[in-house]
Protein backbone atom coordinates (compact mmCIF):
# COMPACT_ATOMS: atom_id res chain seq x y z
CA MET A 1 0.00 0.00 0.00
CA PRO A 2 1.43 3.44 -0.89
CA PRO A 3 2.00 5.97 1.88
CA SER A 4 -0.99 8.15 2.71
CA GLY A 5 -1.62 10.71 -0.01
CA MET A 6 1.11 9.21 -2.22
CA GLY A 7 1.42 6.79 -5.09
CA SER A 8 0.07 6.57 -8.62
CA SER A 9 -3.51 6.12 -7.41
CA ALA A 10 -3.48 9.14 -5.08
CA PRO A 11 -6.46 11.47 -5.60
CA LEU A 12 -5.80 14.71 -7.51
CA ARG A 13 -2.13 13.82 -8.00
CA HIS A 14 -1.97 16.31 -10.89
CA GLY A 15 -3.54 19.10 -8.84
CA CYS A 16 -1.87 21.57 -6.50
CA GLU A 17 -1.58 22.11 -2.77
CA ASP A 18 -4.63 23.66 -1.15
CA ASN A 19 -4.64 26.06 1.79
CA TRP A 20 -7.41 26.14 4.38
CA THR A 21 -7.90 25.36 8.03
CA TRP A 22 -10.51 24.91 10.76
CA ASN A 23 -12.70 27.92 11.41
CA ARG A 24 -12.03 29.34 14.87
CA ARG A 25 -15.35 31.20 14.80
CA ASP A 26 -17.39 28.28 13.51
CA ARG A 27 -16.99 25.49 16.05
CA SER A 28 -18.36 23.96 19.21
CA PRO A 29 -17.06 25.48 22.48
CA GLU A 30 -15.84 21.93 23.20
CA VAL A 31 -13.31 22.08 20.34
CA ARG A 32 -9.87 23.59 20.91
CA LEU A 33 -7.72 24.51 17.89
CA TYR A 34 -3.94 24.75 17.90
CA GLY A 35 -0.84 23.88 15.91
CA PRO A 36 0.41 25.40 12.63
CA SER A 37 -2.41 27.48 11.11
CA TRP A 38 -4.83 26.02 13.71
CA ARG A 39 -5.06 22.68 11.90
CA VAL A 40 -5.24 20.47 15.00
CA ALA A 41 -8.75 20.01 16.42
CA HIS A 42 -8.88 18.74 20.02
CA PHE A 43 -12.32 17.58 21.16
CA HIS A 44 -13.66 17.67 24.74
CA PRO A 45 -10.38 18.61 26.53
CA THR A 46 -11.54 17.37 29.98
CA TRP A 47 -14.59 15.12 29.68
CA SER A 48 -17.42 14.73 27.20
CA SER A 49 -21.12 15.34 27.76
CA GLY A 50 -22.18 15.55 24.12
CA THR A 51 -21.08 15.90 20.50
CA ALA A 52 -18.74 18.64 19.26
CA ALA A 53 -17.89 19.67 15.69
CA VAL A 54 -15.82 22.19 13.77
CA ARG A 55 -16.29 23.50 10.24
CA GLY A 56 -13.49 24.11 7.74
CA THR A 57 -12.93 27.40 5.93
CA ARG A 58 -12.91 25.85 2.44
CA VAL A 59 -16.04 26.28 0.27
CA LEU A 60 -16.24 23.08 -1.78
CA ASN A 61 -19.00 23.59 -4.33
CA ASN A 62 -18.12 23.17 -8.02
CA GLY A 63 -14.49 22.16 -7.34
CA ARG A 64 -12.54 18.97 -6.73
CA TYR A 65 -10.78 18.74 -3.36
CA TYR A 66 -8.95 16.12 -1.35
CA TRP A 67 -7.84 16.35 2.28
CA GLU A 68 -6.48 13.98 4.90
CA LEU A 69 -7.11 13.83 8.62
CA ARG A 70 -4.69 12.18 10.99
CA VAL A 71 -6.83 10.75 13.79
CA SER A 72 -5.19 10.15 17.16
CA GLN A 73 -5.15 6.69 18.70
CA ARG A 74 -8.08 7.63 20.95
CA VAL A 75 -10.62 6.15 18.52
CA PHE A 76 -13.66 5.14 20.57
CA GLY A 77 -17.04 6.33 21.76
CA THR A 78 -20.45 6.76 20.21
CA SER A 79 -19.30 8.54 17.07
CA MET A 80 -16.26 10.17 15.50
CA MET A 81 -17.22 11.52 12.09
CA PHE A 82 -15.75 13.00 8.90
CA GLY A 83 -17.67 14.66 6.08
CA VAL A 84 -19.21 17.83 4.70
CA GLY A 85 -22.14 20.08 5.47
CA THR A 86 -23.73 23.47 4.99
CA ARG A 87 -23.76 26.32 7.48
CA ARG A 88 -27.08 25.01 8.75
CA ALA A 89 -25.46 21.83 10.08
CA ARG A 90 -25.27 21.89 13.89
CA LEU A 91 -21.84 22.02 15.52
CA HIS A 92 -22.75 21.19 19.11
CA VAL A 93 -25.39 19.20 20.94
CA ASP A 94 -25.56 18.02 24.55
CA ALA A 95 -26.18 14.40 23.56
CA PHE A 96 -24.13 11.53 22.16
CA LEU A 97 -25.21 11.07 18.56
CA ASN A 98 -24.12 10.92 14.91
CA LEU A 99 -24.11 14.66 14.30
CA LEU A 100 -23.00 14.62 10.66
CA GLY A 101 -25.92 13.35 8.65
CA GLU A 102 -28.52 13.86 11.38
CA ASP A 103 -30.52 15.88 8.84
CA GLU A 104 -30.42 17.00 5.20
CA HIS A 105 -27.70 19.62 5.88
CA SER A 106 -24.73 17.24 6.25
CA TRP A 107 -23.19 13.98 5.02
CA GLY A 108 -20.80 11.93 7.15
CA LEU A 109 -18.87 8.73 7.78
CA SER A 110 -18.61 7.49 11.37
CA HIS A 111 -15.69 5.51 12.79
CA LYS A 112 -18.12 2.61 13.09
CA GLY A 113 -18.15 2.29 9.29
CA LEU A 114 -21.60 3.79 8.78
CA LEU A 115 -22.68 6.53 6.38
CA TRP A 116 -25.22 9.06 7.64
CA HIS A 117 -27.45 11.56 5.80
CA ALA A 118 -30.93 12.93 6.49
CA GLY A 119 -31.17 10.91 9.69
CA ARG A 120 -30.63 7.58 7.93
CA TRP A 121 -27.61 5.29 7.92
CA THR A 122 -26.17 2.54 5.76
CA HIS A 123 -23.20 0.18 6.05
CA TYR A 124 -20.12 1.36 4.13
CA THR A 125 -16.93 -0.17 5.51
CA LYS A 126 -15.51 -2.10 8.45
CA PRO A 127 -15.52 -0.30 11.82
CA PHE A 128 -12.22 1.40 12.65
CA ARG A 129 -10.08 -0.39 15.21
CA GLU A 130 -10.50 1.28 18.58
CA ASN A 131 -7.48 2.94 20.20
CA GLU A 132 -5.47 2.73 16.98
CA ALA A 133 -4.38 5.85 15.09
CA THR A 134 -5.49 6.11 11.48
CA THR A 135 -5.56 8.51 8.53
CA VAL A 136 -8.86 9.33 6.82
CA GLY A 137 -8.89 10.84 3.33
CA VAL A 138 -11.88 12.73 1.93
CA LEU A 139 -12.39 13.35 -1.80
CA PHE A 140 -15.07 15.85 -2.78
CA ASP A 141 -15.91 16.04 -6.49
CA GLY A 142 -18.23 18.98 -7.04
CA VAL A 143 -18.42 18.31 -10.77
CA ALA A 144 -19.54 14.67 -10.51
CA GLY A 145 -21.37 15.43 -7.26
CA THR A 146 -19.68 12.65 -5.27
CA LEU A 147 -18.06 12.28 -1.85
CA SER A 148 -15.58 9.43 -1.36
CA PHE A 149 -13.43 8.31 1.54
CA TYR A 150 -10.00 6.72 1.95
CA LYS A 151 -8.48 4.98 4.95
CA ASP A 152 -4.71 4.73 5.41
CA GLY A 153 -4.21 5.31 1.67
CA ALA A 154 -6.79 2.77 0.46
CA SER A 155 -9.94 3.88 -1.35
CA LEU A 156 -13.24 2.93 0.30
CA GLY A 157 -15.26 3.97 -2.77
CA VAL A 158 -17.98 6.52 -3.44
CA ALA A 159 -20.09 7.19 -0.36
CA PHE A 160 -22.56 9.85 -1.50
CA ARG A 161 -23.85 11.16 -4.82
CA GLY A 162 -25.88 14.17 -5.93
CA LEU A 163 -23.87 16.80 -4.05
CA HIS A 164 -23.59 18.94 -7.20
CA LEU A 165 -27.30 19.65 -6.73
CA VAL A 166 -26.73 21.34 -3.35
CA ARG A 167 -27.09 25.11 -3.81
CA GLU A 168 -25.88 26.20 -0.40
CA PRO A 169 -22.11 26.44 0.28
CA LEU A 170 -20.63 23.14 1.49
CA TYR A 171 -17.69 22.91 3.91
CA PRO A 172 -15.54 20.16 5.44
CA ILE A 173 -16.73 19.19 8.94
CA VAL A 174 -15.48 16.76 11.60
CA CYS A 175 -17.06 15.87 14.93
CA SER A 176 -16.54 13.63 17.94
CA THR A 177 -18.33 12.43 21.06
CA ALA A 178 -15.15 11.06 22.63
CA ALA A 179 -13.12 12.97 25.22
CA ARG A 180 -9.59 14.16 24.45
CA THR A 181 -9.60 13.04 20.82
CA GLU A 182 -7.67 14.83 18.10
CA MET A 183 -7.95 15.19 14.33
CA THR A 184 -5.14 16.95 12.46
CA LEU A 185 -5.65 18.38 9.01
CA THR A 186 -2.59 17.28 7.04
CA LEU A 187 -2.50 16.85 3.28
CA MET A 188 -4.75 19.18 1.23
CA LYS A 189 -4.99 19.20 -2.55
CA ARG A 190 -7.30 20.67 -5.18
CA ASP A 191 -7.78 20.57 -8.91
CA PHE A 192 -6.78 23.54 -11.03
CA VAL A 193 -9.66 25.73 -12.12
CA ASN A 194 -7.98 27.05 -15.27
CA LEU A 195 -4.55 27.88 -16.75
CA GLN A 196 -4.35 31.09 -14.71
CA ASP A 197 -4.84 29.08 -11.53
CA ARG A 198 -2.16 26.60 -12.60
CA CYS A 199 0.33 29.42 -13.28
CA ARG A 200 -0.33 30.97 -9.87
CA ALA A 201 0.41 27.65 -8.17
CA ALA A 202 3.72 27.39 -10.07
CA ILE A 203 4.76 30.91 -8.98
CA LEU A 204 3.77 30.35 -5.34
CA ALA A 205 5.83 27.18 -5.27
CA ARG A 206 8.86 29.51 -5.34
CA ALA A 207 7.51 32.76 -3.85
CA ARG A 208 5.93 31.49 -0.62
CA SER A 209 5.35 34.72 1.30
CA ALA A 210 3.94 38.22 0.90
CA ASP A 211 7.47 39.61 1.21
CA ALA A 212 8.66 37.39 -1.64
CA LEU A 213 5.78 38.56 -3.84
CA ALA A 214 6.50 42.20 -3.00
CA ARG A 215 9.99 41.81 -4.48
CA LEU A 216 8.57 40.75 -7.84
CA ALA A 217 8.24 43.44 -10.51
CA LEU A 218 4.52 42.90 -11.07
CA PRO A 219 1.43 45.12 -11.41
CA ALA A 220 -0.40 45.53 -8.10
CA ARG A 221 -3.51 43.77 -9.42
CA LEU A 222 -1.54 40.70 -10.45
CA ARG A 223 0.34 40.68 -7.13
CA ASP A 224 -2.99 40.77 -5.28
CA PHE A 225 -4.23 37.79 -7.30
CA LEU A 226 -1.11 35.82 -6.41
CA ALA A 227 -1.42 36.76 -2.73
CA GLU A 228 -4.90 35.23 -2.58
CA GLY A 229 -3.24 31.83 -2.86
CA LEU A 230 -0.90 32.32 0.09
CA ASP A 231 -1.41 30.45 3.34
CA GLU A 232 -0.37 32.91 6.03
CA PRO A 233 -1.63 32.88 9.65
CA GLN A 234 -4.33 35.45 10.35
CA PRO A 235 -4.36 37.61 13.50
CA PHE A 236 -6.17 35.98 16.40
CA GLN A 237 -9.81 36.98 16.83
CA PRO A 238 -12.03 36.14 19.80
CA VAL A 239 -14.24 33.11 19.25
CA ASP A 240 -17.99 33.35 19.65
CA GLN A 241 -18.60 30.64 22.23
CA ASN A 242 -22.30 30.69 21.38
CA ALA A 243 -21.74 29.92 17.69
CA GLY A 244 -23.03 26.59 16.43
């Protein structure tokens, strides 16, 4: 088996690196974010009395995206889930349940191998081994309208279809009922939108900061376009503890 995110069968291997993170203002109060660019989500830091989730900053509609989540060895509990949802998907509830897929606003895979959407579930894959770290890959194809999952580099197949028909913005979401669990956003890739997008990725592979771009003899408008593709930490802003 090829390493996670590697090999000839890796999703979007001809795409480019993507840059997004977990949304510090769009999460349960029981989710703590830390690490480089806030990409580590720590659930229920002391004990758990419900289900906590966090939404990603990436809008997925109409594009093709792949991301991987490194899940800590604390794999247990009622439900640890990976998937996508709209802004209407709940991010916190004081009950132990499968939060992703509880209604029509989200689609999710639980660590028990079940797919959930609109309050219904179906078998999809073997349950994850408890207390064993794993890597979950998520492939969103907004053109074909599919959502697929990978586990430790192996494809699990298409899980959901028809997502191209969703008109509201869709975002990555993860959730957990288990105390002191962690999910780290690692590999992120996306397809190129057009030739302009491909050229920007090639330039940013060498000019990786705003300072590097400022030294290029470019028109301000073109420099601003290039800067949109940078992944630079944003100043800290207070989190709305009542959000979600």
